Each structure stands twice: as structure tokens, then as C-alpha cells.
Amino acid sequence: MINIPEVKIGLVAVSRDCFPASLAVNRRKALAEAYKKNFNDKDVYECPVCIIESETQMVEALEDIKKNGCNALCVYLGNFGPEISETLLAKHFDGPIMFCAAAEESQNDLIDGRGDAYCGMLNASYNLYIRNTKAYIPEYPVGTAEECAKMINEFVPIARAIVGVRDLKIISFGPRPMNFLACNAPIKQIFNMGAEIEENSELDLFEAFHKHDNDPRIPDVVKDMEADLGAGNKKPEILAKLAQYELTLLDWIEEHRGYKKYVCIAGKCWPAFQTQFGFVPCYVNSRLTGRGIPVSCEVDIYGALSEFIGTCVSNDSVTLLDINNSVPADMYEESIKGKFGNYKHTDTFMGFHCGNTCTSKLSSCEMKFQRIMARNLPEEVTQGTLEGDIKPGDITFYRLQSTSDNHLRAYVAQGEVLNVPTRSFGGIGVFAIPEMGRFYRHVLIQQNFPHHGAVAFGHYGKALFEVFKYLGAETIGYNQPASLPYPTENPFC
């Protein structure tokens, strides 16, 4: 994937001066070796400075990890740890931070070999709080070298998303479509997360598109589209215009990214787009998203941001879908009931969008026209959607969203796309999420989320939940089990 950061985590051990420093140093070495053995030798840099109750050593460690290109930090309590200098390191490090601690090693070495890091984590967390410093702390942050190596590996996608968002520019084109308030949200939270946003008009985009008339690169992009579509290339006459539009967006990105490294786009696609450009942008959106440059539909700014976060976490392409329609009762009875575990009818729904899901995530695909728009417009100006059923498999449905009064909320729900023909149109799939009916009512509706949800292809709920916590989401909804009622759930139903 392009357009997402690589993470290098600086591993810094800390030691309280009344404990043997060798405990922290030797445990750090064992942790670094365990990470290399179980994962790789590129994610983690072992800092040689062990901080022992010293602000000066804190500065030395900070300078060392910066010099060695670290953009994330793991503070490792090899023993109780120096609560002041270890949290000063976190305060002054400009990037995502995690804390973990060493477990005791043997009942036969609990005199000079006892480190008390279990206790030290409590003081570390308190000091982080009074310094207003965020850090990721695993669910159980004390472990052996092998266990802490796994904790650090689980931090990698979290850190990748945090680094990405802080160096992200969201480029939008046009206001939301007419009579379409659903994805409207204040942009202040974008800046609070460290990202930037550049808002442009459709006219700016239209002008840039026409500056690419007869661009000599168009034939090569058309060839790439033909290879991507294969037998699904049912509208070859529209590919040159789509190629021109793709080049327009890619050039705009390079000319407008400014000081930011990563980009996502919130694009306009109706009502005037198709009549003026002469096509719909769905397939181009799918191609860029498939390469790691998310493009949301309908100027959905927080949808684009959500897609980018999912791309960083999964290191894979994502999509943005309408939480669209219920599964007909006869389809449920014939094709789902009893065939995919114990899913109830209300656990299922269809996720749909016109054609923005990339080819690699569809079971098969064809280039077609946008059927909904063609109900009111000439069909020839609605060409450019990518239609097909979404591949069956695990998914995570999620979204990060500002409310209208500027509070940051999120939701995460894991489920799957079922291997059930949709018998419908667009990029679409039959989804199943345990207790979806209750989640739909008491999270999506109750908390005023819009109808767009981002989809990551795999189960990434654990990492996404931590990313949203780190970014400051005040609430994170999820599909609670039947045994756990929602606060707004009617107990008499």
C-alpha cells in the first residue's frame, strides 16, 4: 500500500535508582530479541540509553531515538521505573507512545531479581495523567519478554494510524449534495487530531479536469484500467474520461499536499457532477482507495478520515458503504438461516455503494452505469460505476465522527460478509454482525451517526478501538452482547 507511514518504535528501558539497573537492561535486551525472533527486525529500535532517575538521561534517550528515525515510542519498565523521567520522555516525544512492564521471572529470584514493575505501572499511569500526556497501555501491560513483544507488535498498527492522521491532509471538493445533511459535521476535531483539511469547490476541480484534456498519460492509464477490469470492462468508451479524472486527482494531490505526507479525498459525485463531467467518479474512487488513497463519496470528510485510519490499521484497502437496506425475509430463510451459525434476521443487512469498492474486494465486477442517477438523467452521463458482490469474509464496520456540537464519537463492530448472492446492483454485500439490530438502534441511531460506514476487510476491532481512544473519542460504541443492555435500551421490550 502507498500513502501510509512505516513505523519504527524506539524501545527505551527505564530503571529506578534503588533497583539493579541490570534488571532493566537485560530485560530490554531479551525483549528486543524476542521481537526479532517472533516478528521482524525493522519495527523496533533498541535504545542503548537506560534512564535511571535522570532527566539528563531522558534527554539523551530522546535525542537517540529521534536520531535513529523513530516515530513511535515504547517505554519499558524493566523494574519499578523512575516515574518522573519516564513520563517526561513521553511528554516530550512527538509521536504515539506505549507503556509496558516486565513480569517477574522466577520464584527462585525474588530478592535482588524482583523488579516490582507491576507496581511501577500504577505510578507511571498517574504521572502520565498529571502531565496531560496520552499513551497506549495494553489491556494487561505486564508480561514476559515474549508477551511484551506481542504487545508491541499489536501497537504497530495503532501507531501507524496515529502517525498517519497527524501527518494527513484531507482534500475535499464541493459542499455536500443538496438535501443531504447526513454527513455534515464541524471540522474542528480534524485539527484537534493534528490533520489538515483543504476545502475546494467543484468549479476548481472542473477547471483542473479540463486542463488535463488530451493529457499524453491518458492512454497508459486506460491500459491499466483495462487490465484491472478484465472481462468486466463493459464500458470501454468511458475509460479515457475516467483516466483523465484519475490523473487530475493524482496531480492535485501532489500539488496540494503541502507539508503533509499523506492524503485522502472527500469527493463530490452528484447532483451536477455527472451532467458536467459526463460520467460518475465511482470507479476512479475505487482505484485510488485500492492503492491506499481513500476517496469518500458525497463529500464525506469524516468518512474519508475513517477510511484512511482503517487503511493504516489493516495495511490494506478499505471501502465506504451505506448501511443500506434490510435483507428480505425470503432471502434470509432460503440462504442464511441455519447456514452461517446462529445469525438472526436482524443481525443481517446489506452494505452498498454505487461502485467505489476496489476490484480486489469484489467476487467479480463489471463497469456499469449508476442506476439510481439514471432514473432522473440520461444513462450516458451516469457511466463509471464498478458493480459486483463484495467477497465473503471477515470485516470490521467502523466510523469516527464529530457530532454537530463538536464531540468526537466512534463505533466499531466486527462481523462478516456472507457468501450469499445479493441479487441487486452496485458494490454490495450481505453483511452479518452479531446483535446488529440492537447496535443499529442504540448506537447508530441513538448517537446520530450518518449512514456511511467504513469497512476494513478483516477483524481489526481491537486496534481500531485503541486508535479511537488515543485520538480522543469520547464514546466508542460497539455491538454489545444480548446480556449487556445499552443505556437507552427499553428493558420491557
Protein backbone atom coordinates (compact mmCIF):
# COMPACT_ATOMS: atom_id res chain seq x y z
CA MET A 1 0.00 0.00 0.00
CA ILE A 2 1.14 3.55 -0.74
CA ASN A 3 0.22 6.68 1.24
CA ILE A 4 0.58 5.18 4.72
CA PRO A 5 3.53 5.52 7.11
CA GLU A 6 6.05 2.96 8.21
CA VAL A 7 6.50 2.74 11.96
CA LYS A 8 9.77 2.47 13.82
CA ILE A 9 9.33 2.13 17.58
CA GLY A 10 12.05 3.31 19.92
CA LEU A 11 12.34 0.83 22.80
CA VAL A 12 13.58 2.66 25.91
CA ALA A 13 14.10 0.83 29.19
CA VAL A 14 13.83 2.69 32.48
CA SER A 15 15.10 1.85 35.97
CA ARG A 16 14.58 3.22 39.48
CA ASP A 17 17.93 4.02 41.10
CA CYS A 18 17.23 1.83 44.13
CA PHE A 19 16.80 -1.23 41.89
CA PRO A 20 19.57 -3.01 39.95
CA ALA A 21 19.85 -1.30 36.55
CA SER A 22 20.84 -4.69 35.12
CA LEU A 23 17.24 -5.82 35.59
CA ALA A 24 16.00 -3.19 33.13
CA VAL A 25 18.92 -3.51 30.69
CA ASN A 26 18.90 -7.30 30.48
CA ARG A 27 15.12 -7.46 30.24
CA ARG A 28 15.19 -4.85 27.45
CA LYS A 29 17.73 -6.93 25.54
CA ALA A 30 15.58 -10.04 25.98
CA LEU A 31 12.52 -8.13 24.79
CA ALA A 32 14.30 -6.85 21.67
CA GLU A 33 15.49 -10.36 20.85
CA ALA A 34 12.00 -11.79 21.38
CA TYR A 35 10.56 -9.23 18.99
CA LYS A 36 13.11 -10.06 16.29
CA LYS A 37 12.53 -13.77 16.77
CA ASN A 38 8.73 -13.64 16.66
CA PHE A 39 8.12 -10.72 14.29
CA ASN A 40 10.90 -8.81 12.49
CA ASP A 41 13.97 -6.65 12.97
CA LYS A 42 12.65 -3.41 11.48
CA ASP A 43 9.73 -2.34 13.70
CA VAL A 44 11.77 -1.83 16.87
CA TYR A 45 14.96 0.11 17.59
CA GLU A 46 16.64 -0.80 20.89
CA CYS A 47 17.81 2.43 22.50
CA PRO A 48 21.10 1.85 24.38
CA VAL A 49 20.30 4.54 26.97
CA CYS A 50 18.63 3.15 30.08
CA ILE A 51 17.05 6.02 32.00
CA ILE A 52 17.90 5.79 35.71
CA GLU A 53 16.16 8.55 37.70
CA SER A 54 17.77 11.17 35.47
CA GLU A 55 16.25 13.98 33.43
CA THR A 56 19.58 14.30 31.62
CA GLN A 57 19.43 10.65 30.57
CA MET A 58 15.84 11.24 29.48
CA VAL A 59 17.12 13.88 27.06
CA GLU A 60 19.89 11.54 25.87
CA ALA A 61 17.36 8.79 25.16
CA LEU A 62 15.03 11.23 23.41
CA GLU A 63 17.81 12.51 21.16
CA ASP A 64 18.98 8.97 20.41
CA ILE A 65 15.61 7.65 19.26
CA LYS A 66 15.00 10.80 17.18
CA LYS A 67 18.44 10.45 15.56
CA ASN A 68 17.63 6.85 14.67
CA GLY A 69 14.37 7.73 12.91
CA CYS A 70 11.87 6.52 15.49
CA ASN A 71 8.35 7.90 15.05
CA ALA A 72 6.80 5.90 17.90
CA LEU A 73 7.94 5.08 21.42
CA CYS A 74 7.69 2.16 23.83
CA VAL A 75 8.65 2.95 27.42
CA TYR A 76 9.56 -0.35 29.06
CA LEU A 77 9.61 -0.65 32.83
CA GLY A 78 12.30 -3.24 33.46
CA ASN A 79 11.75 -2.60 37.14
CA PHE A 80 9.65 -0.15 39.18
CA GLY A 81 10.89 2.68 36.98
CA PRO A 82 11.52 6.40 37.52
CA GLU A 83 8.05 7.92 37.32
CA ILE A 84 9.25 11.47 36.62
CA SER A 85 11.86 10.95 33.92
CA GLU A 86 9.95 8.14 32.17
CA THR A 87 6.84 10.28 31.80
CA LEU A 88 8.87 13.35 30.83
CA LEU A 89 10.21 11.22 27.97
CA ALA A 90 6.64 10.52 26.89
CA LYS A 91 5.66 14.18 27.28
CA HIS A 92 8.47 15.41 25.04
CA PHE A 93 8.29 12.67 22.40
CA ASP A 94 6.35 13.82 19.35
CA GLY A 95 4.55 10.65 18.32
CA PRO A 96 2.42 7.77 19.62
CA ILE A 97 3.60 6.22 22.88
CA MET A 98 3.00 2.97 24.70
CA PHE A 99 4.00 1.73 28.14
CA CYS A 100 4.53 -1.87 29.19
CA ALA A 101 6.33 -3.56 32.06
CA ALA A 102 8.37 -6.62 32.89
CA ALA A 103 6.86 -9.54 34.78
CA GLU A 104 8.88 -11.31 37.47
CA GLU A 105 10.87 -14.20 36.07
CA SER A 106 11.21 -16.92 38.70
CA GLN A 107 10.18 -17.82 42.22
CA ASN A 108 13.86 -18.58 42.78
CA ASP A 109 14.91 -14.96 42.17
CA LEU A 110 12.60 -12.71 44.17
CA ILE A 111 15.23 -10.90 46.24
CA ASP A 112 17.63 -8.92 44.04
CA GLY A 113 15.82 -10.22 40.95
CA ARG A 114 12.43 -8.75 41.86
CA GLY A 115 11.64 -5.66 39.80
CA ASP A 116 8.20 -4.51 41.03
CA ALA A 117 7.25 -3.16 37.61
CA TYR A 118 3.69 -4.30 38.34
CA CYS A 119 3.65 -1.55 40.96
CA GLY A 120 5.58 0.92 38.82
CA MET A 121 2.94 0.88 36.08
CA LEU A 122 0.46 2.41 38.53
CA ASN A 123 2.75 5.36 39.22
CA ALA A 124 3.55 5.72 35.54
CA SER A 125 -0.12 5.96 34.62
CA TYR A 126 -0.76 8.52 37.38
CA ASN A 127 2.18 10.66 36.22
CA LEU A 128 1.04 10.49 32.60
CA TYR A 129 -2.35 11.80 33.73
CA ILE A 130 -0.99 14.76 35.70
CA ARG A 131 1.23 15.68 32.73
CA ASN A 132 -1.77 15.52 30.32
CA THR A 133 0.17 13.01 28.24
CA LYS A 134 -1.56 10.29 26.25
CA ALA A 135 -0.14 6.80 25.99
CA TYR A 136 -1.38 3.41 24.88
CA ILE A 137 -1.36 0.93 27.73
CA PRO A 138 -2.26 -2.66 26.77
CA GLU A 139 -5.18 -4.38 28.48
CA TYR A 140 -2.74 -6.30 30.69
CA PRO A 141 0.54 -4.40 30.34
CA VAL A 142 2.86 -6.63 32.41
CA GLY A 143 4.50 -9.65 30.81
CA THR A 144 7.49 -11.76 29.90
CA ALA A 145 9.75 -10.78 27.03
CA GLU A 146 7.64 -12.85 24.63
CA GLU A 147 4.40 -11.37 25.94
CA CYS A 148 5.66 -7.79 25.80
CA ALA A 149 6.92 -8.41 22.26
CA LYS A 150 3.38 -9.33 21.29
CA MET A 151 2.07 -6.17 22.98
CA ILE A 152 4.50 -4.05 20.96
CA ASN A 153 3.51 -5.82 17.75
CA GLU A 154 -0.15 -5.04 18.48
CA PHE A 155 0.88 -1.41 18.96
CA VAL A 156 2.39 -1.20 15.44
CA PRO A 157 -0.92 -0.72 13.52
CA ILE A 158 -2.19 1.61 16.24
CA ALA A 159 0.94 3.73 15.99
CA ARG A 160 0.79 3.63 12.19
CA ALA A 161 -2.70 5.14 12.26
CA ILE A 162 -1.77 7.84 14.80
CA VAL A 163 1.35 8.83 12.85
CA GLY A 164 -0.69 8.85 9.64
CA VAL A 165 -3.51 11.03 10.99
CA ARG A 166 -1.07 13.57 12.42
CA ASP A 167 0.54 13.93 9.01
CA LEU A 168 -2.66 13.79 6.94
CA LYS A 169 -4.26 16.31 4.63
CA ILE A 170 -7.92 15.79 3.76
CA ILE A 171 -8.81 17.35 0.42
CA SER A 172 -12.49 17.98 -0.21
CA PHE A 173 -14.34 19.18 -3.30
CA GLY A 174 -17.61 20.99 -3.02
CA PRO A 175 -20.25 21.22 -0.32
CA ARG A 176 -22.33 18.17 0.45
CA PRO A 177 -25.01 17.44 -2.15
CA MET A 178 -28.32 19.26 -1.93
CA ASN A 179 -30.80 17.88 0.62
CA PHE A 180 -28.05 15.79 2.18
CA LEU A 181 -27.22 16.88 5.72
CA ALA A 182 -26.30 13.39 6.90
CA CYS A 183 -22.50 13.67 6.69
CA ASN A 184 -22.35 17.30 7.87
CA ALA A 185 -20.01 17.81 10.84
CA PRO A 186 -17.73 20.54 12.20
CA ILE A 187 -14.09 20.28 11.13
CA LYS A 188 -12.56 21.47 14.41
CA GLN A 189 -11.95 17.89 15.51
CA ILE A 190 -9.89 17.33 12.35
CA PHE A 191 -7.44 19.96 13.57
CA ASN A 192 -7.57 18.63 17.14
CA MET A 193 -6.21 15.32 15.81
CA GLY A 194 -3.32 17.08 14.03
CA ALA A 195 -4.63 16.66 10.48
CA GLU A 196 -5.28 19.46 7.99
CA ILE A 197 -8.15 19.99 5.60
CA GLU A 198 -8.23 21.81 2.28
CA GLU A 199 -11.73 22.62 1.03
CA ASN A 200 -12.23 23.36 -2.66
CA SER A 201 -15.18 23.99 -4.94
CA GLU A 202 -16.43 21.73 -7.71
CA LEU A 203 -15.52 24.52 -10.11
CA ASP A 204 -11.87 24.26 -9.06
CA LEU A 205 -11.99 20.55 -9.82
CA PHE A 206 -13.79 21.09 -13.11
CA GLU A 207 -11.15 23.59 -14.24
CA ALA A 208 -8.32 21.21 -13.27
CA PHE A 209 -10.04 18.37 -15.14
CA HIS A 210 -10.17 20.35 -18.38
CA LYS A 211 -6.53 21.32 -18.01
CA HIS A 212 -5.89 17.59 -18.44
CA ASP A 213 -7.67 17.40 -21.81
CA ASN A 214 -5.53 15.30 -24.15
CA ASP A 215 -3.02 14.55 -21.38
CA PRO A 216 -0.40 12.26 -23.00
CA ARG A 217 -0.55 9.91 -19.98
CA ILE A 218 -4.21 9.02 -20.57
CA PRO A 219 -3.60 6.01 -22.88
CA ASP A 220 -1.34 4.34 -20.31
CA VAL A 221 -3.91 4.80 -17.55
CA VAL A 222 -6.59 3.37 -19.85
CA LYS A 223 -4.44 0.27 -20.40
CA ASP A 224 -4.05 -0.14 -16.65
CA MET A 225 -7.82 0.18 -16.20
CA GLU A 226 -8.40 -2.44 -18.89
CA ALA A 227 -6.07 -4.84 -17.08
CA ASP A 228 -7.76 -4.09 -13.76
CA LEU A 229 -11.28 -4.66 -15.09
CA GLY A 230 -10.52 -7.68 -17.27
CA ALA A 231 -13.73 -9.23 -18.50
CA GLY A 232 -15.68 -6.61 -16.55
CA ASN A 233 -14.68 -3.86 -18.97
CA LYS A 234 -18.23 -3.35 -20.26
CA LYS A 235 -17.96 0.41 -20.91
CA PRO A 236 -14.67 0.87 -22.78
CA GLU A 237 -15.87 4.14 -24.30
CA ILE A 238 -15.80 5.86 -20.88
CA LEU A 239 -12.29 4.84 -19.80
CA ALA A 240 -10.46 7.80 -21.36
CA LYS A 241 -12.56 10.29 -19.41
CA LEU A 242 -12.11 8.29 -16.21
CA ALA A 243 -8.35 8.16 -16.83
CA GLN A 244 -8.31 11.92 -17.29
CA TYR A 245 -10.14 12.35 -13.99
CA GLU A 246 -7.76 9.98 -12.19
CA LEU A 247 -4.77 11.97 -13.42
CA THR A 248 -6.50 15.17 -12.31
CA LEU A 249 -6.86 13.88 -8.75
CA LEU A 250 -3.33 12.47 -8.57
CA ASP A 251 -1.81 15.71 -9.82
CA TRP A 252 -3.96 17.71 -7.43
CA ILE A 253 -2.66 15.59 -4.54
CA GLU A 254 0.96 16.23 -5.46
CA GLU A 255 0.39 19.96 -5.95
CA HIS A 256 -1.65 20.44 -2.78
CA ARG A 257 -0.29 18.05 -0.12
CA GLY A 258 1.85 20.92 1.21
CA TYR A 259 3.86 19.94 4.28
CA LYS A 260 1.78 16.82 4.94
CA LYS A 261 2.92 13.35 3.81
CA TYR A 262 -0.42 11.55 3.43
CA VAL A 263 -3.66 12.47 1.68
CA CYS A 264 -7.26 11.36 1.45
CA ILE A 265 -10.09 12.89 -0.56
CA ALA A 266 -13.74 13.67 0.15
CA GLY A 267 -15.19 13.92 -3.35
CA LYS A 268 -18.38 15.23 -4.89
CA CYS A 269 -20.33 12.89 -7.14
CA TRP A 270 -23.84 14.36 -7.55
CA PRO A 271 -26.14 16.10 -8.47
CA ALA A 272 -24.25 18.22 -11.03
CA PHE A 273 -21.08 16.13 -11.34
CA GLN A 274 -22.39 13.69 -13.93
CA THR A 275 -24.08 16.31 -16.13
CA GLN A 276 -20.96 18.50 -16.26
CA PHE A 277 -18.16 15.94 -16.30
CA GLY A 278 -20.18 13.46 -18.34
CA PHE A 279 -19.58 10.42 -16.10
CA VAL A 280 -19.63 9.37 -12.44
CA PRO A 281 -16.35 9.07 -10.49
CA CYS A 282 -17.05 5.79 -8.64
CA TYR A 283 -14.51 3.60 -10.43
CA VAL A 284 -11.72 6.15 -10.06
CA ASN A 285 -12.55 6.44 -6.36
CA SER A 286 -12.27 2.66 -6.09
CA ARG A 287 -8.88 2.58 -7.83
CA LEU A 288 -7.30 5.23 -5.63
CA THR A 289 -8.75 3.73 -2.45
CA GLY A 290 -7.41 0.34 -3.53
CA ARG A 291 -3.91 1.82 -3.69
CA GLY A 292 -4.08 3.42 -0.26
CA ILE A 293 -5.51 6.86 -1.12
CA PRO A 294 -9.06 6.74 0.24
CA VAL A 295 -11.68 8.73 -1.66
CA SER A 296 -15.03 9.05 0.08
CA CYS A 297 -18.32 9.72 -1.70
CA GLU A 298 -20.65 12.68 -1.21
CA VAL A 299 -18.02 14.95 0.39
CA ASP A 300 -17.96 12.78 3.50
CA ILE A 301 -14.96 14.27 5.30
CA TYR A 302 -15.09 12.03 8.37
CA GLY A 303 -15.79 9.07 6.10
CA ALA A 304 -12.53 9.74 4.24
CA LEU A 305 -10.69 10.11 7.56
CA SER A 306 -12.21 6.84 8.80
CA GLU A 307 -11.15 5.06 5.62
CA PHE A 308 -7.60 6.35 6.00
CA ILE A 309 -7.42 5.13 9.59
CA GLY A 310 -8.64 1.68 8.52
CA THR A 311 -6.09 1.59 5.71
CA CYS A 312 -3.29 2.34 8.19
CA VAL A 313 -4.50 -0.24 10.69
CA SER A 314 -5.15 -3.05 8.21
CA ASN A 315 -2.36 -2.16 5.75
CA ASP A 316 -4.96 -2.98 3.12
CA SER A 317 -7.64 -1.28 1.04
CA VAL A 318 -10.96 -0.45 2.67
CA THR A 319 -14.31 0.79 1.41
CA LEU A 320 -17.09 3.16 2.46
CA LEU A 321 -20.65 1.84 2.28
CA ASP A 322 -24.16 2.90 3.05
CA ILE A 323 -25.63 0.87 5.90
CA ASN A 324 -28.23 0.44 3.29
CA ASN A 325 -31.12 -1.97 3.36
CA SER A 326 -32.59 -4.88 5.23
CA VAL A 327 -32.26 -8.42 3.96
CA PRO A 328 -35.63 -9.66 2.62
CA ALA A 329 -37.24 -12.31 4.77
CA ASP A 330 -37.32 -14.85 1.95
CA MET A 331 -33.57 -14.36 1.30
CA TYR A 332 -32.85 -14.87 4.99
CA GLU A 333 -34.99 -18.03 5.16
CA GLU A 334 -33.60 -19.51 1.96
CA SER A 335 -29.94 -18.54 2.04
CA ILE A 336 -28.88 -17.57 5.57
CA LYS A 337 -30.91 -19.15 8.38
CA GLY A 338 -29.02 -22.06 9.94
CA LYS A 339 -26.27 -21.91 7.29
CA PHE A 340 -23.93 -19.36 8.90
CA GLY A 341 -24.12 -20.10 12.61
CA ASN A 342 -26.93 -18.61 14.64
CA TYR A 343 -27.44 -15.25 12.94
CA LYS A 344 -30.90 -13.84 13.50
CA HIS A 345 -32.66 -11.99 10.70
CA THR A 346 -31.98 -8.69 12.50
CA ASP A 347 -28.27 -9.49 12.60
CA THR A 348 -28.14 -9.10 8.82
CA PHE A 349 -28.26 -6.14 6.46
CA MET A 350 -26.90 -5.07 3.09
CA GLY A 351 -23.97 -2.69 2.76
CA PHE A 352 -23.99 -0.83 -0.55
CA HIS A 353 -22.49 1.99 -2.51
CA CYS A 354 -22.73 2.82 -6.16
CA GLY A 355 -19.35 1.50 -7.24
CA ASN A 356 -16.47 2.68 -5.05
CA THR A 357 -15.21 -0.71 -3.78
CA CYS A 358 -11.97 -1.73 -5.48
CA THR A 359 -11.81 -4.74 -7.79
CA SER A 360 -9.71 -6.80 -5.37
CA LYS A 361 -12.54 -6.81 -2.82
CA LEU A 362 -15.29 -7.92 -5.23
CA SER A 363 -16.07 -11.52 -6.16
CA SER A 364 -16.48 -10.34 -9.74
CA CYS A 365 -17.06 -6.93 -11.23
CA GLU A 366 -18.38 -5.06 -14.22
CA MET A 367 -18.25 -1.44 -15.27
CA LYS A 368 -21.83 -0.18 -15.48
CA PHE A 369 -23.97 2.93 -15.21
CA GLN A 370 -25.24 4.47 -11.97
CA ARG A 371 -28.75 3.09 -11.84
CA ILE A 372 -30.12 5.46 -9.20
CA MET A 373 -28.94 8.58 -11.02
CA ALA A 374 -30.14 7.19 -14.35
CA ARG A 375 -33.70 7.28 -13.05
CA ASN A 376 -33.62 11.06 -13.50
CA LEU A 377 -30.83 11.60 -16.04
CA PRO A 378 -29.74 10.29 -19.44
CA GLU A 379 -27.96 6.98 -18.90
CA GLU A 380 -24.93 8.06 -20.94
CA VAL A 381 -23.84 10.60 -18.29
CA THR A 382 -24.06 8.06 -15.45
CA GLN A 383 -21.39 5.64 -16.68
CA GLY A 384 -18.49 4.81 -14.38
CA THR A 385 -19.66 2.62 -11.51
CA LEU A 386 -17.98 -0.63 -10.54
CA GLU A 387 -20.64 -3.21 -9.75
CA GLY A 388 -20.27 -6.56 -8.08
CA ASP A 389 -20.89 -8.55 -4.92
CA ILE A 390 -18.34 -7.99 -2.17
CA LYS A 391 -16.16 -11.01 -1.40
CA PRO A 392 -17.27 -13.08 1.59
CA GLY A 393 -15.07 -12.97 4.65
CA ASP A 394 -14.39 -11.21 7.93
CA ILE A 395 -14.97 -7.46 8.14
CA THR A 396 -14.90 -4.63 10.64
CA PHE A 397 -17.56 -1.92 10.29
CA TYR A 398 -16.45 1.31 11.95
CA ARG A 399 -16.52 5.11 11.86
CA LEU A 400 -15.00 8.14 13.58
CA GLN A 401 -17.34 11.15 13.57
CA SER A 402 -17.72 14.61 15.06
CA THR A 403 -21.21 15.41 16.29
CA SER A 404 -22.94 18.60 15.22
CA ASP A 405 -21.94 20.15 18.56
CA ASN A 406 -18.30 19.13 18.12
CA HIS A 407 -17.97 16.00 20.24
CA LEU A 408 -15.89 13.15 18.86
CA ARG A 409 -17.55 9.73 18.73
CA ALA A 410 -16.78 6.40 17.14
CA TYR A 411 -18.09 2.90 16.73
CA VAL A 412 -16.55 -0.47 15.92
CA ALA A 413 -18.34 -3.73 15.13
CA GLN A 414 -16.86 -6.97 13.82
CA GLY A 415 -18.75 -9.34 11.57
CA GLU A 416 -18.58 -10.87 8.12
CA VAL A 417 -19.77 -10.65 4.55
CA LEU A 418 -21.80 -13.76 3.88
CA ASN A 419 -21.42 -15.89 0.78
CA VAL A 420 -24.94 -15.04 -0.36
CA PRO A 421 -25.75 -13.60 -3.82
CA THR A 422 -27.21 -10.13 -3.35
CA ARG A 423 -29.39 -10.17 -6.49
CA SER A 424 -29.03 -6.39 -6.55
CA PHE A 425 -26.84 -3.67 -8.08
CA GLY A 426 -23.84 -1.53 -7.16
CA GLY A 427 -20.93 -2.60 -4.98
CA ILE A 428 -22.88 -4.56 -2.41
CA GLY A 429 -22.76 -7.40 0.07
CA VAL A 430 -24.89 -9.25 2.59
CA PHE A 431 -23.40 -8.45 6.00
CA ALA A 432 -23.90 -10.16 9.34
CA ILE A 433 -22.91 -8.61 12.66
CA PRO A 434 -23.94 -10.24 15.95
CA GLU A 435 -26.71 -8.23 17.63
CA MET A 436 -26.76 -5.79 14.70
CA GLY A 437 -30.40 -4.87 15.29
CA ARG A 438 -29.72 -3.55 18.77
CA PHE A 439 -26.46 -1.92 17.68
CA TYR A 440 -28.32 -0.22 14.82
CA ARG A 441 -30.90 1.23 17.19
CA HIS A 442 -28.86 2.11 20.27
CA VAL A 443 -25.54 3.19 18.71
CA LEU A 444 -26.07 4.20 15.08
CA ILE A 445 -29.49 5.82 15.53
CA GLN A 446 -29.25 6.84 19.19
CA GLN A 447 -25.88 8.57 18.74
CA ASN A 448 -26.78 10.21 15.41
CA PHE A 449 -24.21 8.54 13.19
CA PRO A 450 -24.65 9.10 9.45
CA HIS A 451 -25.47 6.28 7.06
CA HIS A 452 -21.90 5.87 5.76
CA GLY A 453 -19.75 3.26 7.47
CA ALA A 454 -16.15 2.36 6.69
CA VAL A 455 -15.33 -1.29 6.12
CA ALA A 456 -11.96 -2.92 6.78
CA PHE A 457 -11.53 -6.40 5.35
CA GLY A 458 -10.64 -8.46 8.40
CA HIS A 459 -11.17 -8.27 12.15
CA TYR A 460 -9.39 -5.13 13.35
CA GLY A 461 -11.70 -4.09 16.16
CA LYS A 462 -9.03 -4.31 18.87
CA ALA A 463 -6.64 -1.93 17.13
CA LEU A 464 -9.33 0.46 15.88
CA PHE A 465 -10.81 0.74 19.37
CA GLU A 466 -7.41 1.79 20.73
CA VAL A 467 -6.83 4.25 17.88
CA PHE A 468 -10.14 5.96 18.58
CA LYS A 469 -9.33 6.15 22.30
CA TYR A 470 -5.95 7.68 21.52
CA LEU A 471 -7.47 10.22 19.12
CA GLY A 472 -9.86 11.38 21.83
CA ALA A 473 -13.22 9.78 21.03
CA GLU A 474 -15.50 10.46 23.99
CA THR A 475 -17.61 7.39 23.33
CA ILE A 476 -16.88 4.26 21.30
CA GLY A 477 -19.95 2.19 20.54
CA TYR A 478 -19.84 -1.49 19.72
CA ASN A 479 -22.28 -4.33 19.18
CA GLN A 480 -22.91 -5.31 22.78
CA PRO A 481 -23.94 -8.90 23.52
CA ALA A 482 -27.56 -9.60 24.40
CA SER A 483 -26.60 -9.99 28.06
CA LEU A 484 -25.38 -6.38 28.22
CA PRO A 485 -28.17 -3.82 27.70
CA TYR A 486 -27.48 -0.38 26.22
CA PRO A 487 -28.23 2.59 28.50
CA THR A 488 -31.12 3.60 26.24
CA GLU A 489 -32.47 0.09 25.69
CA ASN A 490 -36.04 -0.41 26.83
CA PRO A 491 -35.98 -3.20 29.45
CA PHE A 492 -39.61 -4.06 28.76
CA CYS A 493 -39.12 -4.96 25.09
